[in-house]
Amino acid sequence: MMDTLPGVPLLQSKQQWKDFKTMMKTLTDAGIDLSKIDGAGIYYPEGTSALARAIDWVRRRFGRP
């Protein structure tokens, strides 16, 4: 039954769990509310202005670093 759950094959080894916990800590330290993540996408820290998000979108859209 566990093999039918999404994501389980990605977290089976000890190293995969360590990497996952490190990534989650990095996200929380950056100010991203993990309870609001519901799928793939780009997430911003709380309080990020609409202007900053628009600038980021333009950079991603037109390939500016």
PDB file of N, CA and C in Angstrom:
ATOM      1  N   MET A   1       0.811  -1.189   0.000  1.00  0.00           N
ATOM      2  CA  MET A   1       0.000   0.000   0.000  1.00  0.00           C
ATOM      3  C   MET A   1       0.865   1.268   0.000  1.00  0.00           C
ATOM      4  N   MET A   2       1.956   1.256   0.716  1.00  0.00           N
ATOM      5  CA  MET A   2       2.799   2.450   0.813  1.00  0.00           C
ATOM      6  C   MET A   2       3.402   2.826  -0.540  1.00  0.00           C
ATOM      7  N   ASP A   3       3.642   1.848  -1.398  1.00  0.00           N
ATOM      8  CA  ASP A   3       4.253   2.145  -2.692  1.00  0.00           C
ATOM      9  C   ASP A   3       3.296   2.868  -3.638  1.00  0.00           C
ATOM     10  N   THR A   4       2.011   2.935  -3.296  1.00  0.00           N
ATOM     11  CA  THR A   4       1.052   3.650  -4.137  1.00  0.00           C
ATOM     12  C   THR A   4       0.921   5.119  -3.743  1.00  0.00           C
ATOM     13  N   LEU A   5       1.461   5.513  -2.617  1.00  0.00           N
ATOM     14  CA  LEU A   5       1.399   6.906  -2.187  1.00  0.00           C
ATOM     15  C   LEU A   5       2.406   7.743  -2.974  1.00  0.00           C
ATOM     16  N   PRO A   6       2.006   8.937  -3.403  1.00  0.00           N
ATOM     17  CA  PRO A   6       2.941   9.768  -4.171  1.00  0.00           C
ATOM     18  C   PRO A   6       4.119  10.214  -3.318  1.00  0.00           C
ATOM     19  N   GLY A   7       5.299  10.161  -3.895  1.00  0.00           N
ATOM     20  CA  GLY A   7       6.496  10.636  -3.216  1.00  0.00           C
ATOM     21  C   GLY A   7       7.228   9.620  -2.372  1.00  0.00           C
ATOM     22  N   VAL A   8       6.594   8.503  -2.026  1.00  0.00           N
ATOM     23  CA  VAL A   8       7.237   7.508  -1.165  1.00  0.00           C
ATOM     24  C   VAL A   8       8.521   6.962  -1.789  1.00  0.00           C
ATOM     25  N   PRO A   9       8.555   6.647  -3.088  1.00  0.00           N
ATOM     26  CA  PRO A   9       9.804   6.146  -3.662  1.00  0.00           C
ATOM     27  C   PRO A   9      10.956   7.162  -3.603  1.00  0.00           C
ATOM     28  N   LEU A  10      10.634   8.442  -3.441  1.00  0.00           N
ATOM     29  CA  LEU A  10      11.673   9.472  -3.389  1.00  0.00           C
ATOM     30  C   LEU A  10      12.309   9.602  -2.007  1.00  0.00           C
ATOM     31  N   LEU A  11      11.703   8.990  -0.996  1.00  0.00           N
ATOM     32  CA  LEU A  11      12.180   9.158   0.379  1.00  0.00           C
ATOM     33  C   LEU A  11      12.391   7.824   1.066  1.00  0.00           C
ATOM     34  N   GLN A  12      13.072   6.910   0.426  1.00  0.00           N
ATOM     35  CA  GLN A  12      13.240   5.594   1.029  1.00  0.00           C
ATOM     36  C   GLN A  12      14.598   5.393   1.694  1.00  0.00           C
ATOM     37  N   SER A  13      15.619   6.087   1.242  1.00  0.00           N
ATOM     38  CA  SER A  13      16.930   5.890   1.865  1.00  0.00           C
ATOM     39  C   SER A  13      17.168   6.937   2.944  1.00  0.00           C
ATOM     40  N   LYS A  14      18.127   6.660   3.783  1.00  0.00           N
ATOM     41  CA  LYS A  14      18.479   7.596   4.857  1.00  0.00           C
ATOM     42  C   LYS A  14      18.961   8.925   4.283  1.00  0.00           C
ATOM     43  N   GLN A  15      19.752   8.893   3.214  1.00  0.00           N
ATOM     44  CA  GLN A  15      20.262  10.117   2.602  1.00  0.00           C
ATOM     45  C   GLN A  15      19.123  10.943   1.989  1.00  0.00           C
ATOM     46  N   GLN A  16      18.143  10.269   1.389  1.00  0.00           N
ATOM     47  CA  GLN A  16      17.002  10.991   0.817  1.00  0.00           C
ATOM     48  C   GLN A  16      16.220  11.717   1.912  1.00  0.00           C
ATOM     49  N   TRP A  17      16.050  11.085   3.071  1.00  0.00           N
ATOM     50  CA  TRP A  17      15.369  11.734   4.188  1.00  0.00           C
ATOM     51  C   TRP A  17      16.171  12.925   4.687  1.00  0.00           C
ATOM     52  N   LYS A  18      17.489  12.781   4.792  1.00  0.00           N
ATOM     53  CA  LYS A  18      18.332  13.886   5.259  1.00  0.00           C
ATOM     54  C   LYS A  18      18.255  15.066   4.294  1.00  0.00           C
ATOM     55  N   ASP A  19      18.299  14.776   2.989  1.00  0.00           N
ATOM     56  CA  ASP A  19      18.196  15.835   1.987  1.00  0.00           C
ATOM     57  C   ASP A  19      16.846  16.540   2.064  1.00  0.00           C
ATOM     58  N   PHE A  20      15.786  15.758   2.276  1.00  0.00           N
ATOM     59  CA  PHE A  20      14.442  16.315   2.378  1.00  0.00           C
ATOM     60  C   PHE A  20      14.332  17.252   3.583  1.00  0.00           C
ATOM     61  N   LYS A  21      14.827  16.808   4.731  1.00  0.00           N
ATOM     62  CA  LYS A  21      14.754  17.643   5.928  1.00  0.00           C
ATOM     63  C   LYS A  21      15.576  18.917   5.771  1.00  0.00           C
ATOM     64  N   THR A  22      16.727  18.823   5.118  1.00  0.00           N
ATOM     65  CA  THR A  22      17.556  20.000   4.868  1.00  0.00           C
ATOM     66  C   THR A  22      16.826  20.984   3.967  1.00  0.00           C
ATOM     67  N   MET A  23      16.177  20.480   2.917  1.00  0.00           N
ATOM     68  CA  MET A  23      15.432  21.344   2.013  1.00  0.00           C
ATOM     69  C   MET A  23      14.274  22.035   2.738  1.00  0.00           C
ATOM     70  N   MET A  24      13.561  21.308   3.574  1.00  0.00           N
ATOM     71  CA  MET A  24      12.445  21.893   4.307  1.00  0.00           C
ATOM     72  C   MET A  24      12.927  22.966   5.277  1.00  0.00           C
ATOM     73  N   LYS A  25      14.055  22.757   5.922  1.00  0.00           N
ATOM     74  CA  LYS A  25      14.607  23.769   6.816  1.00  0.00           C
ATOM     75  C   LYS A  25      15.019  25.007   6.031  1.00  0.00           C
ATOM     76  N   THR A  26      15.607  24.822   4.859  1.00  0.00           N
ATOM     77  CA  THR A  26      16.003  25.950   4.017  1.00  0.00           C
ATOM     78  C   THR A  26      14.783  26.780   3.636  1.00  0.00           C
ATOM     79  N   LEU A  27      13.691  26.117   3.281  1.00  0.00           N
ATOM     80  CA  LEU A  27      12.478  26.834   2.910  1.00  0.00           C
ATOM     81  C   LEU A  27      11.895  27.610   4.084  1.00  0.00           C
ATOM     82  N   THR A  28      11.847  26.988   5.259  1.00  0.00           N
ATOM     83  CA  THR A  28      11.299  27.692   6.418  1.00  0.00           C
ATOM     84  C   THR A  28      12.204  28.845   6.844  1.00  0.00           C
ATOM     85  N   ASP A  29      13.503  28.667   6.734  1.00  0.00           N
ATOM     86  CA  ASP A  29      14.435  29.757   7.065  1.00  0.00           C
ATOM     87  C   ASP A  29      14.290  30.930   6.099  1.00  0.00           C
ATOM     88  N   ALA A  30      13.861  30.644   4.859  1.00  0.00           N
ATOM     89  CA  ALA A  30      13.663  31.702   3.863  1.00  0.00           C
ATOM     90  C   ALA A  30      12.333  32.424   4.062  1.00  0.00           C
ATOM     91  N   GLY A  31      11.512  31.919   4.982  1.00  0.00           N
ATOM     92  CA  GLY A  31      10.242  32.576   5.272  1.00  0.00           C
ATOM     93  C   GLY A  31       9.065  32.037   4.496  1.00  0.00           C
ATOM     94  N   ILE A  32       9.210  30.880   3.880  1.00  0.00           N
ATOM     95  CA  ILE A  32       8.127  30.294   3.098  1.00  0.00           C
ATOM     96  C   ILE A  32       7.273  29.424   4.012  1.00  0.00           C
ATOM     97  N   ASP A  33       5.967  29.672   4.006  1.00  0.00           N
ATOM     98  CA  ASP A  33       5.021  28.926   4.834  1.00  0.00           C
ATOM     99  C   ASP A  33       4.731  27.590   4.162  1.00  0.00           C
ATOM    100  N   LEU A  34       5.248  26.501   4.719  1.00  0.00           N
ATOM    101  CA  LEU A  34       5.132  25.179   4.111  1.00  0.00           C
ATOM    102  C   LEU A  34       3.694  24.680   4.061  1.00  0.00           C
ATOM    103  N   SER A  35       2.834  25.177   4.937  1.00  0.00           N
ATOM    104  CA  SER A  35       1.446  24.721   4.928  1.00  0.00           C
ATOM    105  C   SER A  35       0.680  25.230   3.714  1.00  0.00           C
ATOM    106  N   LYS A  36       1.212  26.236   3.032  1.00  0.00           N
ATOM    107  CA  LYS A  36       0.532  26.791   1.862  1.00  0.00           C
ATOM    108  C   LYS A  36       1.001  26.160   0.554  1.00  0.00           C
ATOM    109  N   ILE A  37       1.994  25.284   0.612  1.00  0.00           N
ATOM    110  CA  ILE A  37       2.486  24.633  -0.598  1.00  0.00           C
ATOM    111  C   ILE A  37       1.551  23.467  -0.917  1.00  0.00           C
ATOM    112  N   ASP A  38       0.950  23.525  -2.106  1.00  0.00           N
ATOM    113  CA  ASP A  38       0.007  22.473  -2.477  1.00  0.00           C
ATOM    114  C   ASP A  38       0.354  21.833  -3.815  1.00  0.00           C
ATOM    115  N   GLY A  39       1.500  22.148  -4.365  1.00  0.00           N
ATOM    116  CA  GLY A  39       1.906  21.546  -5.624  1.00  0.00           C
ATOM    117  C   GLY A  39       3.155  22.213  -6.153  1.00  0.00           C
ATOM    118  N   ALA A  40       3.524  21.804  -7.347  1.00  0.00           N
ATOM    119  CA  ALA A  40       4.709  22.381  -7.965  1.00  0.00           C
ATOM    120  C   ALA A  40       4.447  23.843  -8.298  1.00  0.00           C
ATOM    121  N   GLY A  41       5.472  24.659  -8.156  1.00  0.00           N
ATOM    122  CA  GLY A  41       5.323  26.071  -8.473  1.00  0.00           C
ATOM    123  C   GLY A  41       6.428  26.883  -7.847  1.00  0.00           C
ATOM    124  N   ILE A  42       6.272  28.177  -7.912  1.00  0.00           N
ATOM    125  CA  ILE A  42       7.236  29.098  -7.322  1.00  0.00           C
ATOM    126  C   ILE A  42       6.580  29.718  -6.103  1.00  0.00           C
ATOM    127  N   TYR A  43       7.257  29.643  -4.994  1.00  0.00           N
ATOM    128  CA  TYR A  43       6.720  30.166  -3.747  1.00  0.00           C
ATOM    129  C   TYR A  43       7.635  31.269  -3.235  1.00  0.00           C
ATOM    130  N   TYR A  44       7.021  32.294  -2.688  1.00  0.00           N
ATOM    131  CA  TYR A  44       7.752  33.452  -2.182  1.00  0.00           C
ATOM    132  C   TYR A  44       7.558  33.562  -0.684  1.00  0.00           C
ATOM    133  N   PRO A  45       8.535  34.155   0.009  1.00  0.00           N
ATOM    134  CA  PRO A  45       8.352  34.385   1.441  1.00  0.00           C
ATOM    135  C   PRO A  45       7.164  35.315   1.689  1.00  0.00           C
ATOM    136  N   GLU A  46       6.564  35.191   2.870  1.00  0.00           N
ATOM    137  CA  GLU A  46       5.459  36.069   3.248  1.00  0.00           C
ATOM    138  C   GLU A  46       5.934  37.512   3.170  1.00  0.00           C
ATOM    139  N   GLY A  47       5.102  38.378   2.676  1.00  0.00           N
ATOM    140  CA  GLY A  47       5.442  39.789   2.607  1.00  0.00           C
ATOM    141  C   GLY A  47       6.134  40.205   1.321  1.00  0.00           C
ATOM    142  N   THR A  48       6.345  39.292   0.393  1.00  0.00           N
ATOM    143  CA  THR A  48       6.954  39.656  -0.875  1.00  0.00           C
ATOM    144  C   THR A  48       5.947  40.489  -1.665  1.00  0.00           C
ATOM    145  N   SER A  49       6.369  41.633  -2.135  1.00  0.00           N
ATOM    146  CA  SER A  49       5.448  42.540  -2.820  1.00  0.00           C
ATOM    147  C   SER A  49       5.073  42.019  -4.200  1.00  0.00           C
ATOM    148  N   ALA A  50       3.958  42.535  -4.701  1.00  0.00           N
ATOM    149  CA  ALA A  50       3.506  42.168  -6.044  1.00  0.00           C
ATOM    150  C   ALA A  50       4.517  42.631  -7.083  1.00  0.00           C
ATOM    151  N   LEU A  51       5.163  43.772  -6.833  1.00  0.00           N
ATOM    152  CA  LEU A  51       6.167  44.278  -7.764  1.00  0.00           C
ATOM    153  C   LEU A  51       7.353  43.319  -7.848  1.00  0.00           C
ATOM    154  N   ALA A  52       7.813  42.821  -6.721  1.00  0.00           N
ATOM    155  CA  ALA A  52       8.934  41.880  -6.716  1.00  0.00           C
ATOM    156  C   ALA A  52       8.567  40.599  -7.450  1.00  0.00           C
ATOM    157  N   ARG A  53       7.339  40.132  -7.276  1.00  0.00           N
ATOM    158  CA  ARG A  53       6.891  38.928  -7.977  1.00  0.00           C
ATOM    159  C   ARG A  53       6.811  39.182  -9.480  1.00  0.00           C
ATOM    160  N   ALA A  54       6.338  40.369  -9.869  1.00  0.00           N
ATOM    161  CA  ALA A  54       6.248  40.704 -11.297  1.00  0.00           C
ATOM    162  C   ALA A  54       7.633  40.791 -11.926  1.00  0.00           C
ATOM    163  N   ILE A  55       8.577  41.399 -11.217  1.00  0.00           N
ATOM    164  CA  ILE A  55       9.949  41.493 -11.724  1.00  0.00           C
ATOM    165  C   ILE A  55      10.536  40.100 -11.886  1.00  0.00           C
ATOM    166  N   ASP A  56      10.299  39.229 -10.920  1.00  0.00           N
ATOM    167  CA  ASP A  56      10.792  37.854 -11.007  1.00  0.00           C
ATOM    168  C   ASP A  56      10.168  37.131 -12.199  1.00  0.00           C
ATOM    169  N   TRP A  57       8.864  37.340 -12.431  1.00  0.00           N
ATOM    170  CA  TRP A  57       8.192  36.708 -13.569  1.00  0.00           C
ATOM    171  C   TRP A  57       8.820  37.172 -14.887  1.00  0.00           C
ATOM    172  N   VAL A  58       9.077  38.485 -15.010  1.00  0.00           N
ATOM    173  CA  VAL A  58       9.682  39.018 -16.232  1.00  0.00           C
ATOM    174  C   VAL A  58      11.072  38.426 -16.436  1.00  0.00           C
ATOM    175  N   ARG A  59      11.840  38.330 -15.383  1.00  0.00           N
ATOM    176  CA  ARG A  59      13.184  37.742 -15.485  1.00  0.00           C
ATOM    177  C   ARG A  59      13.117  36.295 -15.951  1.00  0.00           C
ATOM    178  N   ARG A  60      12.194  35.529 -15.376  1.00  0.00           N
ATOM    179  CA  ARG A  60      12.058  34.124 -15.784  1.00  0.00           C
ATOM    180  C   ARG A  60      11.543  34.025 -17.220  1.00  0.00           C
ATOM    181  N   ARG A  61      10.620  34.884 -17.586  1.00  0.00           N
ATOM    182  CA  ARG A  61       9.993  34.842 -18.914  1.00  0.00           C
ATOM    183  C   ARG A  61      10.982  35.191 -20.018  1.00  0.00           C
ATOM    184  N   PHE A  62      11.832  36.185 -19.768  1.00  0.00           N
ATOM    185  CA  PHE A  62      12.735  36.657 -20.794  1.00  0.00           C
ATOM    186  C   PHE A  62      14.179  36.230 -20.582  1.00  0.00           C
ATOM    187  N   GLY A  63      14.395  35.328 -19.641  1.00  0.00           N
ATOM    188  CA  GLY A  63      15.711  34.721 -19.465  1.00  0.00           C
ATOM    189  C   GLY A  63      16.774  35.595 -18.837  1.00  0.00           C
ATOM    190  N   ARG A  64      16.371  36.602 -18.095  1.00  0.00           N
ATOM    191  CA  ARG A  64      17.343  37.455 -17.410  1.00  0.00           C
ATOM    192  C   ARG A  64      17.687  36.836 -16.062  1.00  0.00           C
ATOM    193  N   PRO A  65      18.969  36.747 -15.732  1.00  0.00           N
ATOM    194  CA  PRO A  65      19.345  36.146 -14.437  1.00  0.00           C
ATOM    195  C   PRO A  65      19.009  37.022 -13.260  1.00  0.00           C
TER     196      PRO A  65
END
